[in-house]
Amino acid sequence: MDNKPDPGDLTEEQKRSRRSRSIALAVVLGLVVVLFYIITLVKGPAVLNRPL
């Protein structure tokens, strides 16, 4: 049997990089949600008063 490392195993540096990238994506997604919420509040109920 070869004693090669499994390609699925990640080094500590790769794990840190993946975690920081995941956190950055979560923050960006949260900011987009907040931005859409604020835009909806600013436009007010007029968003719903449009002809179909």
PDB file of N, CA and C in Angstrom:
ATOM      1  N   MET A   1       0.838  -1.194   0.000  1.00  0.00           N
ATOM      2  CA  MET A   1       0.000   0.000   0.000  1.00  0.00           C
ATOM      3  C   MET A   1       0.873   1.244   0.000  1.00  0.00           C
ATOM      4  N   ASP A   2       0.449   2.204  -0.774  1.00  0.00           N
ATOM      5  CA  ASP A   2       1.162   3.478  -0.780  1.00  0.00           C
ATOM      6  C   ASP A   2       0.747   4.290   0.436  1.00  0.00           C
ATOM      7  N   ASN A   3       1.648   5.093   0.894  1.00  0.00           N
ATOM      8  CA  ASN A   3       1.377   5.933   2.054  1.00  0.00           C
ATOM      9  C   ASN A   3       1.128   7.368   1.614  1.00  0.00           C
ATOM     10  N   LYS A   4       0.401   7.520   0.496  1.00  0.00           N
ATOM     11  CA  LYS A   4       0.111   8.846  -0.049  1.00  0.00           C
ATOM     12  C   LYS A   4      -1.032   9.486   0.726  1.00  0.00           C
ATOM     13  N   PRO A   5      -0.976  10.807   0.889  1.00  0.00           N
ATOM     14  CA  PRO A   5      -2.095  11.471   1.580  1.00  0.00           C
ATOM     15  C   PRO A   5      -3.338  11.477   0.698  1.00  0.00           C
ATOM     16  N   ASP A   6      -4.487  11.409   1.331  1.00  0.00           N
ATOM     17  CA  ASP A   6      -5.761  11.450   0.626  1.00  0.00           C
ATOM     18  C   ASP A   6      -5.963  12.855   0.048  1.00  0.00           C
ATOM     19  N   PRO A   7      -6.344  12.949  -1.245  1.00  0.00           N
ATOM     20  CA  PRO A   7      -6.536  14.295  -1.837  1.00  0.00           C
ATOM     21  C   PRO A   7      -7.622  15.104  -1.141  1.00  0.00           C
ATOM     22  N   GLY A   8      -8.524  14.444  -0.409  1.00  0.00           N
ATOM     23  CA  GLY A   8      -9.578  15.159   0.299  1.00  0.00           C
ATOM     24  C   GLY A   8      -9.089  15.812   1.580  1.00  0.00           C
ATOM     25  N   ASP A   9      -7.923  15.406   2.066  1.00  0.00           N
ATOM     26  CA  ASP A   9      -7.376  16.000   3.281  1.00  0.00           C
ATOM     27  C   ASP A   9      -6.843  17.396   2.980  1.00  0.00           C
ATOM     28  N   LEU A  10      -7.168  18.334   3.836  1.00  0.00           N
ATOM     29  CA  LEU A  10      -6.720  19.710   3.656  1.00  0.00           C
ATOM     30  C   LEU A  10      -5.676  20.055   4.701  1.00  0.00           C
ATOM     31  N   THR A  11      -4.744  20.884   4.298  1.00  0.00           N
ATOM     32  CA  THR A  11      -3.764  21.368   5.258  1.00  0.00           C
ATOM     33  C   THR A  11      -4.429  22.424   6.132  1.00  0.00           C
ATOM     34  N   GLU A  12      -3.794  22.764   7.221  1.00  0.00           N
ATOM     35  CA  GLU A  12      -4.348  23.786   8.120  1.00  0.00           C
ATOM     36  C   GLU A  12      -4.484  25.127   7.398  1.00  0.00           C
ATOM     37  N   GLU A  13      -3.523  25.437   6.540  1.00  0.00           N
ATOM     38  CA  GLU A  13      -3.581  26.699   5.791  1.00  0.00           C
ATOM     39  C   GLU A  13      -4.780  26.709   4.853  1.00  0.00           C
ATOM     40  N   GLN A  14      -5.064  25.587   4.203  1.00  0.00           N
ATOM     41  CA  GLN A  14      -6.212  25.511   3.299  1.00  0.00           C
ATOM     42  C   GLN A  14      -7.521  25.604   4.086  1.00  0.00           C
ATOM     43  N   LYS A  15      -7.556  24.990   5.264  1.00  0.00           N
ATOM     44  CA  LYS A  15      -8.762  25.076   6.098  1.00  0.00           C
ATOM     45  C   LYS A  15      -9.018  26.510   6.539  1.00  0.00           C
ATOM     46  N   ARG A  16      -7.962  27.217   6.941  1.00  0.00           N
ATOM     47  CA  ARG A  16      -8.112  28.629   7.352  1.00  0.00           C
ATOM     48  C   ARG A  16      -8.584  29.471   6.172  1.00  0.00           C
ATOM     49  N   SER A  17      -8.004  29.214   5.009  1.00  0.00           N
ATOM     50  CA  SER A  17      -8.377  29.974   3.814  1.00  0.00           C
ATOM     51  C   SER A  17      -9.838  29.734   3.459  1.00  0.00           C
ATOM     52  N   ARG A  18     -10.264  28.482   3.525  1.00  0.00           N
ATOM     53  CA  ARG A  18     -11.654  28.148   3.204  1.00  0.00           C
ATOM     54  C   ARG A  18     -12.602  28.794   4.212  1.00  0.00           C
ATOM     55  N   ARG A  19     -12.232  28.777   5.494  1.00  0.00           N
ATOM     56  CA  ARG A  19     -13.086  29.360   6.533  1.00  0.00           C
ATOM     57  C   ARG A  19     -13.208  30.872   6.353  1.00  0.00           C
ATOM     58  N   SER A  20     -12.089  31.537   6.074  1.00  0.00           N
ATOM     59  CA  SER A  20     -12.161  32.991   5.906  1.00  0.00           C
ATOM     60  C   SER A  20     -12.957  33.359   4.656  1.00  0.00           C
ATOM     61  N   ARG A  21     -12.842  32.556   3.611  1.00  0.00           N
ATOM     62  CA  ARG A  21     -13.619  32.809   2.398  1.00  0.00           C
ATOM     63  C   ARG A  21     -15.104  32.606   2.679  1.00  0.00           C
ATOM     64  N   SER A  22     -15.447  31.586   3.445  1.00  0.00           N
ATOM     65  CA  SER A  22     -16.846  31.329   3.796  1.00  0.00           C
ATOM     66  C   SER A  22     -17.420  32.468   4.633  1.00  0.00           C
ATOM     67  N   ILE A  23     -16.639  32.962   5.565  1.00  0.00           N
ATOM     68  CA  ILE A  23     -17.092  34.084   6.393  1.00  0.00           C
ATOM     69  C   ILE A  23     -17.301  35.326   5.538  1.00  0.00           C
ATOM     70  N   ALA A  24     -16.387  35.580   4.607  1.00  0.00           N
ATOM     71  CA  ALA A  24     -16.525  36.749   3.731  1.00  0.00           C
ATOM     72  C   ALA A  24     -17.780  36.638   2.876  1.00  0.00           C
ATOM     73  N   LEU A  25     -18.057  35.454   2.348  1.00  0.00           N
ATOM     74  CA  LEU A  25     -19.272  35.269   1.548  1.00  0.00           C
ATOM     75  C   LEU A  25     -20.530  35.464   2.389  1.00  0.00           C
ATOM     76  N   ALA A  26     -20.511  34.987   3.620  1.00  0.00           N
ATOM     77  CA  ALA A  26     -21.660  35.150   4.501  1.00  0.00           C
ATOM     78  C   ALA A  26     -21.905  36.621   4.811  1.00  0.00           C
ATOM     79  N   VAL A  27     -20.843  37.376   5.039  1.00  0.00           N
ATOM     80  CA  VAL A  27     -20.978  38.807   5.326  1.00  0.00           C
ATOM     81  C   VAL A  27     -21.543  39.541   4.107  1.00  0.00           C
ATOM     82  N   VAL A  28     -21.034  39.227   2.927  1.00  0.00           N
ATOM     83  CA  VAL A  28     -21.531  39.883   1.703  1.00  0.00           C
ATOM     84  C   VAL A  28     -22.999  39.542   1.480  1.00  0.00           C
ATOM     85  N   LEU A  29     -23.374  38.285   1.668  1.00  0.00           N
ATOM     86  CA  LEU A  29     -24.771  37.894   1.504  1.00  0.00           C
ATOM     87  C   LEU A  29     -25.662  38.622   2.505  1.00  0.00           C
ATOM     88  N   GLY A  30     -25.213  38.734   3.738  1.00  0.00           N
ATOM     89  CA  GLY A  30     -25.974  39.460   4.747  1.00  0.00           C
ATOM     90  C   GLY A  30     -26.146  40.925   4.393  1.00  0.00           C
ATOM     91  N   LEU A  31     -25.092  41.545   3.859  1.00  0.00           N
ATOM     92  CA  LEU A  31     -25.190  42.949   3.454  1.00  0.00           C
ATOM     93  C   LEU A  31     -26.169  43.136   2.298  1.00  0.00           C
ATOM     94  N   VAL A  32     -26.196  42.194   1.367  1.00  0.00           N
ATOM     95  CA  VAL A  32     -27.144  42.282   0.247  1.00  0.00           C
ATOM     96  C   VAL A  32     -28.577  42.181   0.771  1.00  0.00           C
ATOM     97  N   VAL A  33     -28.812  41.278   1.704  1.00  0.00           N
ATOM     98  CA  VAL A  33     -30.155  41.138   2.287  1.00  0.00           C
ATOM     99  C   VAL A  33     -30.567  42.422   2.986  1.00  0.00           C
ATOM    100  N   VAL A  34     -29.666  42.997   3.773  1.00  0.00           N
ATOM    101  CA  VAL A  34     -29.966  44.244   4.476  1.00  0.00           C
ATOM    102  C   VAL A  34     -30.220  45.375   3.472  1.00  0.00           C
ATOM    103  N   LEU A  35     -29.434  45.424   2.410  1.00  0.00           N
ATOM    104  CA  LEU A  35     -29.616  46.458   1.388  1.00  0.00           C
ATOM    105  C   LEU A  35     -30.995  46.348   0.741  1.00  0.00           C
ATOM    106  N   PHE A  36     -31.408  45.132   0.370  1.00  0.00           N
ATOM    107  CA  PHE A  36     -32.730  44.953  -0.226  1.00  0.00           C
ATOM    108  C   PHE A  36     -33.831  45.339   0.767  1.00  0.00           C
ATOM    109  N   TYR A  37     -33.639  45.014   2.034  1.00  0.00           N
ATOM    110  CA  TYR A  37     -34.629  45.360   3.055  1.00  0.00           C
ATOM    111  C   TYR A  37     -34.755  46.880   3.183  1.00  0.00           C
ATOM    112  N   ILE A  38     -33.632  47.575   3.209  1.00  0.00           N
ATOM    113  CA  ILE A  38     -33.649  49.035   3.327  1.00  0.00           C
ATOM    114  C   ILE A  38     -34.305  49.663   2.106  1.00  0.00           C
ATOM    115  N   ILE A  39     -33.972  49.157   0.919  1.00  0.00           N
ATOM    116  CA  ILE A  39     -34.579  49.694  -0.308  1.00  0.00           C
ATOM    117  C   ILE A  39     -36.091  49.513  -0.258  1.00  0.00           C
ATOM    118  N   THR A  40     -36.543  48.346   0.212  1.00  0.00           N
ATOM    119  CA  THR A  40     -37.981  48.098   0.308  1.00  0.00           C
ATOM    120  C   THR A  40     -38.638  49.057   1.293  1.00  0.00           C
ATOM    121  N   LEU A  41     -37.978  49.325   2.418  1.00  0.00           N
ATOM    122  CA  LEU A  41     -38.540  50.262   3.395  1.00  0.00           C
ATOM    123  C   LEU A  41     -38.602  51.678   2.838  1.00  0.00           C
ATOM    124  N   VAL A  42     -37.578  52.081   2.091  1.00  0.00           N
ATOM    125  CA  VAL A  42     -37.542  53.434   1.537  1.00  0.00           C
ATOM    126  C   VAL A  42     -38.630  53.611   0.490  1.00  0.00           C
ATOM    127  N   LYS A  43     -38.826  52.603  -0.349  1.00  0.00           N
ATOM    128  CA  LYS A  43     -39.874  52.706  -1.372  1.00  0.00           C
ATOM    129  C   LYS A  43     -41.256  52.671  -0.749  1.00  0.00           C
ATOM    130  N   GLY A  44     -41.390  52.014   0.369  1.00  0.00           N
ATOM    131  CA  GLY A  44     -42.653  51.985   1.090  1.00  0.00           C
ATOM    132  C   GLY A  44     -43.704  51.133   0.414  1.00  0.00           C
ATOM    133  N   PRO A  45     -44.946  51.337   0.814  1.00  0.00           N
ATOM    134  CA  PRO A  45     -46.032  50.511   0.278  1.00  0.00           C
ATOM    135  C   PRO A  45     -46.330  50.790  -1.188  1.00  0.00           C
ATOM    136  N   ALA A  46     -45.739  51.808  -1.758  1.00  0.00           N
ATOM    137  CA  ALA A  46     -45.974  52.111  -3.173  1.00  0.00           C
ATOM    138  C   ALA A  46     -45.502  50.969  -4.062  1.00  0.00           C
ATOM    139  N   VAL A  47     -44.649  50.134  -3.559  1.00  0.00           N
ATOM    140  CA  VAL A  47     -44.182  48.987  -4.338  1.00  0.00           C
ATOM    141  C   VAL A  47     -45.351  48.084  -4.682  1.00  0.00           C
ATOM    142  N   LEU A  48     -46.323  47.997  -3.789  1.00  0.00           N
ATOM    143  CA  LEU A  48     -47.464  47.085  -4.004  1.00  0.00           C
ATOM    144  C   LEU A  48     -48.565  47.741  -4.822  1.00  0.00           C
ATOM    145  N   ASN A  49     -48.578  49.043  -4.982  1.00  0.00           N
ATOM    146  CA  ASN A  49     -49.628  49.770  -5.707  1.00  0.00           C
ATOM    147  C   ASN A  49     -49.224  50.007  -7.147  1.00  0.00           C
ATOM    148  N   ARG A  50     -49.217  48.944  -7.913  1.00  0.00           N
ATOM    149  CA  ARG A  50     -48.881  49.095  -9.323  1.00  0.00           C
ATOM    150  C   ARG A  50     -49.862  48.275 -10.139  1.00  0.00           C
ATOM    151  N   PRO A  51     -50.120  48.686 -11.367  1.00  0.00           N
ATOM    152  CA  PRO A  51     -51.072  47.931 -12.190  1.00  0.00           C
ATOM    153  C   PRO A  51     -50.508  46.560 -12.558  1.00  0.00           C
ATOM    154  N   LEU A  52     -51.394  45.590 -12.583  1.00  0.00           N
ATOM    155  CA  LEU A  52     -50.971  44.242 -12.946  1.00  0.00           C
ATOM    156  C   LEU A  52     -51.057  44.076 -14.400  1.00  0.00           C
TER     157      LEU A  52
END
